[in-house]
Amino acid sequence: MFAVDIHTHSRFFHWSPGEPTWFDPLGLTLATLCARLRGLDGIAVTNHDYTYSADRRFPTIPGVEVTTTRGHLLIVGPNPPSRTEPGELTPHEAVEIAHENDCAAIVAHPFRNSDLRHVDAAFDAVELNGKNTEHVEQTRELAAEMDVPLTGGSDAHYPIEVGRAYTLVDADELTPKAVADAIRDGRIEPVVRLNRLEKHLDRLYTRFHASKGYGDGFTANLVEK
């Protein structure tokens, strides 16, 4: 069993959307350091509409957070698309790309800036998002209705956020394909682990997202969260 944060980012902000920046190497280094400190076995790096990976002693799983026409979809596994155009792919198209490349397709933060929960696509899982823990019970109910398993991901943009939520992955080895297969087979369990400071930050995230209008509906041209 491996503890993997399925939703992390290698930069703080969203300048130059859809392409790597000079900050990514440093961001990934800091994220993997914090993951080690929190006792994780690996992280998936899921930047907005582009993949970024680099050789690290700490295991990193390739991924991308695709801005579909209806919300954000995580594609995690051995060969996610290297770049996607925000708002161009439909959820069905994004899921098809994921499956063609032996990846898992995960509905990200389903109750924040997303309509994916209303889409009848072959999603592999739904995410318990570390920045919106007030949605935990709703998300569990949604996963049961959709008959898919739950992943856990911190949605960390700042390294100290890594590990707020993560996924226990039942696999023999920690490889991109093994992680994707475990998600698609339901051999996973989400964990949300917030300390006192993180609980306070979670309330601030909720207020911030509400002030930006990132509620139940999807803002079509939104790239950042």
C-alpha atoms as a PDB file:
ATOM      1  CA  MET A   1       0.000   0.000   0.000  1.00  0.00           C
ATOM      2  CA  PHE A   2       1.401   3.383  -1.041  1.00  0.00           C
ATOM      3  CA  ALA A   3       0.377   6.875   0.106  1.00  0.00           C
ATOM      4  CA  VAL A   4       0.222   9.154  -2.939  1.00  0.00           C
ATOM      5  CA  ASP A   5      -1.013  12.730  -3.237  1.00  0.00           C
ATOM      6  CA  ILE A   6      -2.832  12.488  -6.581  1.00  0.00           C
ATOM      7  CA  HIS A   7      -3.262  16.251  -7.171  1.00  0.00           C
ATOM      8  CA  THR A   8      -0.277  18.611  -6.808  1.00  0.00           C
ATOM      9  CA  HIS A   9       1.216  21.500  -8.769  1.00  0.00           C
ATOM     10  CA  SER A  10       4.832  22.551  -9.277  1.00  0.00           C
ATOM     11  CA  ARG A  11       4.221  26.292  -9.202  1.00  0.00           C
ATOM     12  CA  PHE A  12       2.452  28.783  -6.986  1.00  0.00           C
ATOM     13  CA  PHE A  13       0.558  30.831  -9.545  1.00  0.00           C
ATOM     14  CA  HIS A  14      -0.814  30.429 -13.066  1.00  0.00           C
ATOM     15  CA  TRP A  15       1.277  32.736 -15.195  1.00  0.00           C
ATOM     16  CA  SER A  16       1.977  31.435 -18.725  1.00  0.00           C
ATOM     17  CA  PRO A  17      -1.012  29.073 -18.681  1.00  0.00           C
ATOM     18  CA  GLY A  18      -0.502  25.711 -20.322  1.00  0.00           C
ATOM     19  CA  GLU A  19       3.285  25.668 -20.449  1.00  0.00           C
ATOM     20  CA  PRO A  20       6.227  25.111 -18.086  1.00  0.00           C
ATOM     21  CA  THR A  21       7.971  28.027 -16.392  1.00  0.00           C
ATOM     22  CA  TRP A  22      11.358  28.581 -14.823  1.00  0.00           C
ATOM     23  CA  PHE A  23       9.792  27.932 -11.416  1.00  0.00           C
ATOM     24  CA  ASP A  24       8.687  24.345 -12.061  1.00  0.00           C
ATOM     25  CA  PRO A  25      11.991  22.633 -11.111  1.00  0.00           C
ATOM     26  CA  LEU A  26      12.150  24.495  -7.786  1.00  0.00           C
ATOM     27  CA  GLY A  27       8.453  23.978  -7.130  1.00  0.00           C
ATOM     28  CA  LEU A  28       8.721  20.242  -7.714  1.00  0.00           C
ATOM     29  CA  THR A  29      11.791  19.977  -5.495  1.00  0.00           C
ATOM     30  CA  LEU A  30       9.988  21.738  -2.634  1.00  0.00           C
ATOM     31  CA  ALA A  31       6.819  19.688  -3.153  1.00  0.00           C
ATOM     32  CA  THR A  32       8.684  16.377  -2.994  1.00  0.00           C
ATOM     33  CA  LEU A  33      10.552  17.534   0.116  1.00  0.00           C
ATOM     34  CA  CYS A  34       7.291  18.343   1.878  1.00  0.00           C
ATOM     35  CA  ALA A  35       5.813  15.040   0.712  1.00  0.00           C
ATOM     36  CA  ARG A  36       8.694  13.185   2.354  1.00  0.00           C
ATOM     37  CA  LEU A  37       8.211  15.123   5.580  1.00  0.00           C
ATOM     38  CA  ARG A  38       4.519  14.185   5.641  1.00  0.00           C
ATOM     39  CA  GLY A  39       5.291  10.510   5.173  1.00  0.00           C
ATOM     40  CA  LEU A  40       4.025  10.132   1.614  1.00  0.00           C
ATOM     41  CA  ASP A  41       5.443   7.609  -0.813  1.00  0.00           C
ATOM     42  CA  GLY A  42       4.839   9.657  -3.971  1.00  0.00           C
ATOM     43  CA  ILE A  43       2.953  12.495  -5.634  1.00  0.00           C
ATOM     44  CA  ALA A  44       1.252  13.024  -8.974  1.00  0.00           C
ATOM     45  CA  VAL A  45       2.225  16.299 -10.641  1.00  0.00           C
ATOM     46  CA  THR A  46      -0.917  17.664 -12.300  1.00  0.00           C
ATOM     47  CA  ASN A  47      -0.336  21.178 -13.604  1.00  0.00           C
ATOM     48  CA  HIS A  48      -3.038  23.056 -15.492  1.00  0.00           C
ATOM     49  CA  ASP A  49      -3.083  21.955 -19.133  1.00  0.00           C
ATOM     50  CA  TYR A  50       0.539  20.832 -19.327  1.00  0.00           C
ATOM     51  CA  THR A  51       2.648  18.044 -17.919  1.00  0.00           C
ATOM     52  CA  TYR A  52       5.863  18.622 -16.047  1.00  0.00           C
ATOM     53  CA  SER A  53       8.128  15.930 -14.675  1.00  0.00           C
ATOM     54  CA  ALA A  54      11.768  15.520 -13.847  1.00  0.00           C
ATOM     55  CA  ASP A  55      13.978  12.803 -12.411  1.00  0.00           C
ATOM     56  CA  ARG A  56      13.728  12.815  -8.643  1.00  0.00           C
ATOM     57  CA  ARG A  57      14.747  10.375  -5.956  1.00  0.00           C
ATOM     58  CA  PHE A  58      11.204  10.767  -4.677  1.00  0.00           C
ATOM     59  CA  PRO A  59       8.623   9.051  -6.941  1.00  0.00           C
ATOM     60  CA  THR A  60       6.526  11.393  -9.097  1.00  0.00           C
ATOM     61  CA  ILE A  61       3.624  10.232 -11.225  1.00  0.00           C
ATOM     62  CA  PRO A  62       2.955  12.107 -14.504  1.00  0.00           C
ATOM     63  CA  GLY A  63      -0.338  13.915 -14.799  1.00  0.00           C
ATOM     64  CA  VAL A  64      -2.207  16.948 -16.057  1.00  0.00           C
ATOM     65  CA  GLU A  65      -5.254  18.900 -14.898  1.00  0.00           C
ATOM     66  CA  VAL A  66      -7.255  19.418 -18.075  1.00  0.00           C
ATOM     67  CA  THR A  67      -9.584  22.412 -18.310  1.00  0.00           C
ATOM     68  CA  THR A  68     -12.452  20.782 -20.204  1.00  0.00           C
ATOM     69  CA  THR A  69     -15.571  22.554 -21.434  1.00  0.00           C
ATOM     70  CA  ARG A  70     -17.334  21.543 -18.215  1.00  0.00           C
ATOM     71  CA  GLY A  71     -14.650  21.593 -15.519  1.00  0.00           C
ATOM     72  CA  HIS A  72     -11.278  20.282 -14.462  1.00  0.00           C
ATOM     73  CA  LEU A  73     -10.326  16.653 -15.088  1.00  0.00           C
ATOM     74  CA  LEU A  74      -7.192  14.997 -13.735  1.00  0.00           C
ATOM     75  CA  ILE A  75      -5.434  12.613 -16.105  1.00  0.00           C
ATOM     76  CA  VAL A  76      -2.864  10.520 -14.236  1.00  0.00           C
ATOM     77  CA  GLY A  77      -0.731   7.667 -15.496  1.00  0.00           C
ATOM     78  CA  PRO A  78       2.131   6.664 -17.768  1.00  0.00           C
ATOM     79  CA  ASN A  79       1.433   8.924 -20.741  1.00  0.00           C
ATOM     80  CA  PRO A  80      -0.853  11.915 -20.124  1.00  0.00           C
ATOM     81  CA  PRO A  81      -1.147  14.565 -22.862  1.00  0.00           C
ATOM     82  CA  SER A  82       1.806  16.944 -22.723  1.00  0.00           C
ATOM     83  CA  ARG A  83      -0.371  19.986 -23.373  1.00  0.00           C
ATOM     84  CA  THR A  84      -4.069  20.765 -23.714  1.00  0.00           C
ATOM     85  CA  GLU A  85      -5.858  23.947 -24.729  1.00  0.00           C
ATOM     86  CA  PRO A  86      -8.019  25.307 -21.874  1.00  0.00           C
ATOM     87  CA  GLY A  87     -11.724  24.947 -22.661  1.00  0.00           C
ATOM     88  CA  GLU A  88     -11.181  23.059 -25.922  1.00  0.00           C
ATOM     89  CA  LEU A  89     -11.750  19.399 -24.988  1.00  0.00           C
ATOM     90  CA  THR A  90     -15.130  18.084 -23.924  1.00  0.00           C
ATOM     91  CA  PRO A  91     -15.145  15.772 -20.888  1.00  0.00           C
ATOM     92  CA  HIS A  92     -15.801  12.779 -23.158  1.00  0.00           C
ATOM     93  CA  GLU A  93     -12.839  13.681 -25.371  1.00  0.00           C
ATOM     94  CA  ALA A  94     -10.537  14.148 -22.382  1.00  0.00           C
ATOM     95  CA  VAL A  95     -11.583  10.811 -20.865  1.00  0.00           C
ATOM     96  CA  GLU A  96     -11.013   9.088 -24.201  1.00  0.00           C
ATOM     97  CA  ILE A  97      -7.499  10.537 -24.401  1.00  0.00           C
ATOM     98  CA  ALA A  98      -6.805   9.347 -20.856  1.00  0.00           C
ATOM     99  CA  HIS A  99      -7.904   5.804 -21.564  1.00  0.00           C
ATOM    100  CA  GLU A 100      -6.091   5.628 -24.900  1.00  0.00           C
ATOM    101  CA  ASN A 101      -2.899   6.385 -22.972  1.00  0.00           C
ATOM    102  CA  ASP A 102      -3.456   3.919 -20.092  1.00  0.00           C
ATOM    103  CA  CYS A 103      -4.244   6.756 -17.709  1.00  0.00           C
ATOM    104  CA  ALA A 104      -6.983   7.283 -15.133  1.00  0.00           C
ATOM    105  CA  ALA A 105      -9.537  10.090 -15.564  1.00  0.00           C
ATOM    106  CA  ILE A 106     -10.536  11.716 -12.270  1.00  0.00           C
ATOM    107  CA  VAL A 107     -13.180  14.394 -11.652  1.00  0.00           C
ATOM    108  CA  ALA A 108     -11.333  17.155  -9.759  1.00  0.00           C
ATOM    109  CA  HIS A 109     -13.023  19.193  -6.989  1.00  0.00           C
ATOM    110  CA  PRO A 110     -16.525  18.261  -8.237  1.00  0.00           C
ATOM    111  CA  PHE A 111     -18.324  20.934  -6.218  1.00  0.00           C
ATOM    112  CA  ARG A 112     -16.067  23.858  -7.135  1.00  0.00           C
ATOM    113  CA  ASN A 113     -16.106  25.424 -10.577  1.00  0.00           C
ATOM    114  CA  SER A 114     -17.288  22.209 -12.192  1.00  0.00           C
ATOM    115  CA  ASP A 115     -20.270  20.626 -13.901  1.00  0.00           C
ATOM    116  CA  LEU A 116     -18.502  17.317 -14.540  1.00  0.00           C
ATOM    117  CA  ARG A 117     -20.683  15.530 -11.995  1.00  0.00           C
ATOM    118  CA  HIS A 118     -23.607  16.127 -14.379  1.00  0.00           C
ATOM    119  CA  VAL A 119     -21.777  14.621 -17.371  1.00  0.00           C
ATOM    120  CA  ASP A 120     -22.311  11.015 -18.386  1.00  0.00           C
ATOM    121  CA  ALA A 121     -18.712  10.125 -19.226  1.00  0.00           C
ATOM    122  CA  ALA A 122     -16.609   7.100 -18.297  1.00  0.00           C
ATOM    123  CA  PHE A 123     -14.833   8.732 -15.360  1.00  0.00           C
ATOM    124  CA  ASP A 124     -12.637   6.418 -13.295  1.00  0.00           C
ATOM    125  CA  ALA A 125     -12.855   8.248  -9.967  1.00  0.00           C
ATOM    126  CA  VAL A 126     -13.983  11.374  -8.133  1.00  0.00           C
ATOM    127  CA  GLU A 127     -11.633  13.456  -6.008  1.00  0.00           C
ATOM    128  CA  LEU A 128     -11.861  14.399  -2.350  1.00  0.00           C
ATOM    129  CA  ASN A 129     -10.143  17.764  -2.645  1.00  0.00           C
ATOM    130  CA  GLY A 130      -7.899  18.998   0.157  1.00  0.00           C
ATOM    131  CA  LYS A 131      -8.958  22.616  -0.305  1.00  0.00           C
ATOM    132  CA  ASN A 132     -12.681  21.981   0.065  1.00  0.00           C
ATOM    133  CA  THR A 133     -13.072  19.542   2.926  1.00  0.00           C
ATOM    134  CA  GLU A 134     -16.566  20.867   3.632  1.00  0.00           C
ATOM    135  CA  HIS A 135     -17.577  18.843   0.570  1.00  0.00           C
ATOM    136  CA  VAL A 136     -16.353  15.481   1.893  1.00  0.00           C
ATOM    137  CA  GLU A 137     -19.760  13.958   2.575  1.00  0.00           C
ATOM    138  CA  GLN A 138     -21.226  15.361  -0.647  1.00  0.00           C
ATOM    139  CA  THR A 139     -18.327  13.920  -2.590  1.00  0.00           C
ATOM    140  CA  ARG A 140     -18.681  10.494  -0.978  1.00  0.00           C
ATOM    141  CA  GLU A 141     -22.376  10.488  -1.889  1.00  0.00           C
ATOM    142  CA  LEU A 142     -21.548  11.574  -5.435  1.00  0.00           C
ATOM    143  CA  ALA A 143     -19.007   8.777  -5.886  1.00  0.00           C
ATOM    144  CA  ALA A 144     -21.574   6.264  -4.676  1.00  0.00           C
ATOM    145  CA  GLU A 145     -24.154   7.628  -7.138  1.00  0.00           C
ATOM    146  CA  MET A 146     -21.642   7.487  -9.996  1.00  0.00           C
ATOM    147  CA  ASP A 147     -20.400   4.065  -8.858  1.00  0.00           C
ATOM    148  CA  VAL A 148     -16.742   5.096  -8.977  1.00  0.00           C
ATOM    149  CA  PRO A 149     -14.019   5.126  -6.297  1.00  0.00           C
ATOM    150  CA  LEU A 150     -12.620   8.169  -4.513  1.00  0.00           C
ATOM    151  CA  THR A 151      -9.113   9.566  -4.752  1.00  0.00           C
ATOM    152  CA  GLY A 152      -7.601  12.070  -2.340  1.00  0.00           C
ATOM    153  CA  GLY A 153      -5.530  15.028  -3.499  1.00  0.00           C
ATOM    154  CA  SER A 154      -4.267  18.157  -1.780  1.00  0.00           C
ATOM    155  CA  ASP A 155      -4.538  20.394  -4.864  1.00  0.00           C
ATOM    156  CA  ALA A 156      -1.327  21.897  -3.525  1.00  0.00           C
ATOM    157  CA  HIS A 157       0.116  24.945  -5.230  1.00  0.00           C
ATOM    158  CA  TYR A 158       2.282  25.767  -2.219  1.00  0.00           C
ATOM    159  CA  PRO A 159       4.573  22.969  -0.988  1.00  0.00           C
ATOM    160  CA  ILE A 160       3.300  23.159   2.599  1.00  0.00           C
ATOM    161  CA  GLU A 161      -0.126  22.077   1.292  1.00  0.00           C
ATOM    162  CA  VAL A 162       1.133  18.737  -0.008  1.00  0.00           C
ATOM    163  CA  GLY A 163      -0.411  15.791   1.833  1.00  0.00           C
ATOM    164  CA  ARG A 164      -3.502  17.588   3.143  1.00  0.00           C
ATOM    165  CA  ALA A 165      -5.371  14.877   1.280  1.00  0.00           C
ATOM    166  CA  TYR A 166      -3.889  11.817  -0.385  1.00  0.00           C
ATOM    167  CA  THR A 167      -4.724   8.370  -1.725  1.00  0.00           C
ATOM    168  CA  LEU A 168      -3.818   4.948  -0.375  1.00  0.00           C
ATOM    169  CA  VAL A 169      -2.961   2.920  -3.459  1.00  0.00           C
ATOM    170  CA  ASP A 170      -3.043  -0.867  -3.295  1.00  0.00           C
ATOM    171  CA  ALA A 171      -0.336  -1.830  -5.775  1.00  0.00           C
ATOM    172  CA  ASP A 172       2.756  -4.022  -5.890  1.00  0.00           C
ATOM    173  CA  GLU A 173       4.922  -1.198  -7.191  1.00  0.00           C
ATOM    174  CA  LEU A 174       4.790   2.577  -7.355  1.00  0.00           C
ATOM    175  CA  THR A 175       4.819   3.169 -11.107  1.00  0.00           C
ATOM    176  CA  PRO A 176       2.584   5.413 -13.225  1.00  0.00           C
ATOM    177  CA  LYS A 177       0.816   2.428 -14.786  1.00  0.00           C
ATOM    178  CA  ALA A 178       0.353   0.656 -11.454  1.00  0.00           C
ATOM    179  CA  VAL A 179      -1.187   3.779  -9.921  1.00  0.00           C
ATOM    180  CA  ALA A 180      -3.514   4.340 -12.885  1.00  0.00           C
ATOM    181  CA  ASP A 181      -4.561   0.670 -12.871  1.00  0.00           C
ATOM    182  CA  ALA A 182      -5.264   0.767  -9.134  1.00  0.00           C
ATOM    183  CA  ILE A 183      -7.457   3.850  -9.544  1.00  0.00           C
ATOM    184  CA  ARG A 184      -9.396   2.319 -12.417  1.00  0.00           C
ATOM    185  CA  ASP A 185      -9.808  -0.963 -10.513  1.00  0.00           C
ATOM    186  CA  GLY A 186     -10.955   0.778  -7.321  1.00  0.00           C
ATOM    187  CA  ARG A 187      -7.977  -0.411  -5.265  1.00  0.00           C
ATOM    188  CA  ILE A 188      -7.678   2.964  -3.569  1.00  0.00           C
ATOM    189  CA  GLU A 189      -8.837   4.807  -0.478  1.00  0.00           C
ATOM    190  CA  PRO A 190      -8.881   8.588   0.096  1.00  0.00           C
ATOM    191  CA  VAL A 191      -7.459  10.182   3.227  1.00  0.00           C
ATOM    192  CA  VAL A 192      -7.990  13.767   4.413  1.00  0.00           C
ATOM    193  CA  ARG A 193      -5.515  14.846   7.087  1.00  0.00           C
ATOM    194  CA  LEU A 194      -5.648  18.467   8.217  1.00  0.00           C
ATOM    195  CA  ASN A 195      -3.898  19.972  11.225  1.00  0.00           C
ATOM    196  CA  ARG A 196      -5.292  22.972  13.078  1.00  0.00           C
ATOM    197  CA  LEU A 197      -3.623  25.505  10.775  1.00  0.00           C
ATOM    198  CA  GLU A 198      -4.832  23.673   7.663  1.00  0.00           C
ATOM    199  CA  LYS A 199      -8.402  23.609   8.954  1.00  0.00           C
ATOM    200  CA  HIS A 200      -8.209  27.380   9.294  1.00  0.00           C
ATOM    201  CA  LEU A 201      -6.705  27.699   5.805  1.00  0.00           C
ATOM    202  CA  ASP A 202      -9.463  25.479   4.437  1.00  0.00           C
ATOM    203  CA  ARG A 203     -12.067  27.995   5.623  1.00  0.00           C
ATOM    204  CA  LEU A 204     -10.082  30.789   3.966  1.00  0.00           C
ATOM    205  CA  TYR A 205      -9.922  28.841   0.695  1.00  0.00           C
ATOM    206  CA  THR A 206     -13.674  28.395   0.797  1.00  0.00           C
ATOM    207  CA  ARG A 207     -14.261  32.124   1.322  1.00  0.00           C
ATOM    208  CA  PHE A 208     -11.793  33.001  -1.435  1.00  0.00           C
ATOM    209  CA  HIS A 209     -13.365  30.624  -3.927  1.00  0.00           C
ATOM    210  CA  ALA A 210     -16.835  31.905  -3.022  1.00  0.00           C
ATOM    211  CA  SER A 211     -15.719  35.519  -3.545  1.00  0.00           C
ATOM    212  CA  LYS A 212     -14.419  34.573  -7.001  1.00  0.00           C
ATOM    213  CA  GLY A 213     -17.680  32.844  -7.882  1.00  0.00           C
ATOM    214  CA  TYR A 214     -16.066  29.395  -8.150  1.00  0.00           C
ATOM    215  CA  GLY A 215     -19.208  27.622  -7.006  1.00  0.00           C
ATOM    216  CA  ASP A 216     -21.232  24.753  -8.385  1.00  0.00           C
ATOM    217  CA  GLY A 217     -21.206  25.998 -11.974  1.00  0.00           C
ATOM    218  CA  PHE A 218     -18.265  26.112 -14.350  1.00  0.00           C
ATOM    219  CA  THR A 219     -16.637  29.327 -15.544  1.00  0.00           C
ATOM    220  CA  ALA A 220     -15.734  28.375 -19.090  1.00  0.00           C
ATOM    221  CA  ASN A 221     -12.632  30.504 -19.504  1.00  0.00           C
ATOM    222  CA  LEU A 222     -11.249  29.961 -16.029  1.00  0.00           C
ATOM    223  CA  VAL A 223      -7.730  28.552 -15.921  1.00  0.00           C
ATOM    224  CA  GLU A 224      -6.690  29.219 -12.360  1.00  0.00           C
ATOM    225  CA  LYS A 225      -8.201  28.114  -9.090  1.00  0.00           C
END
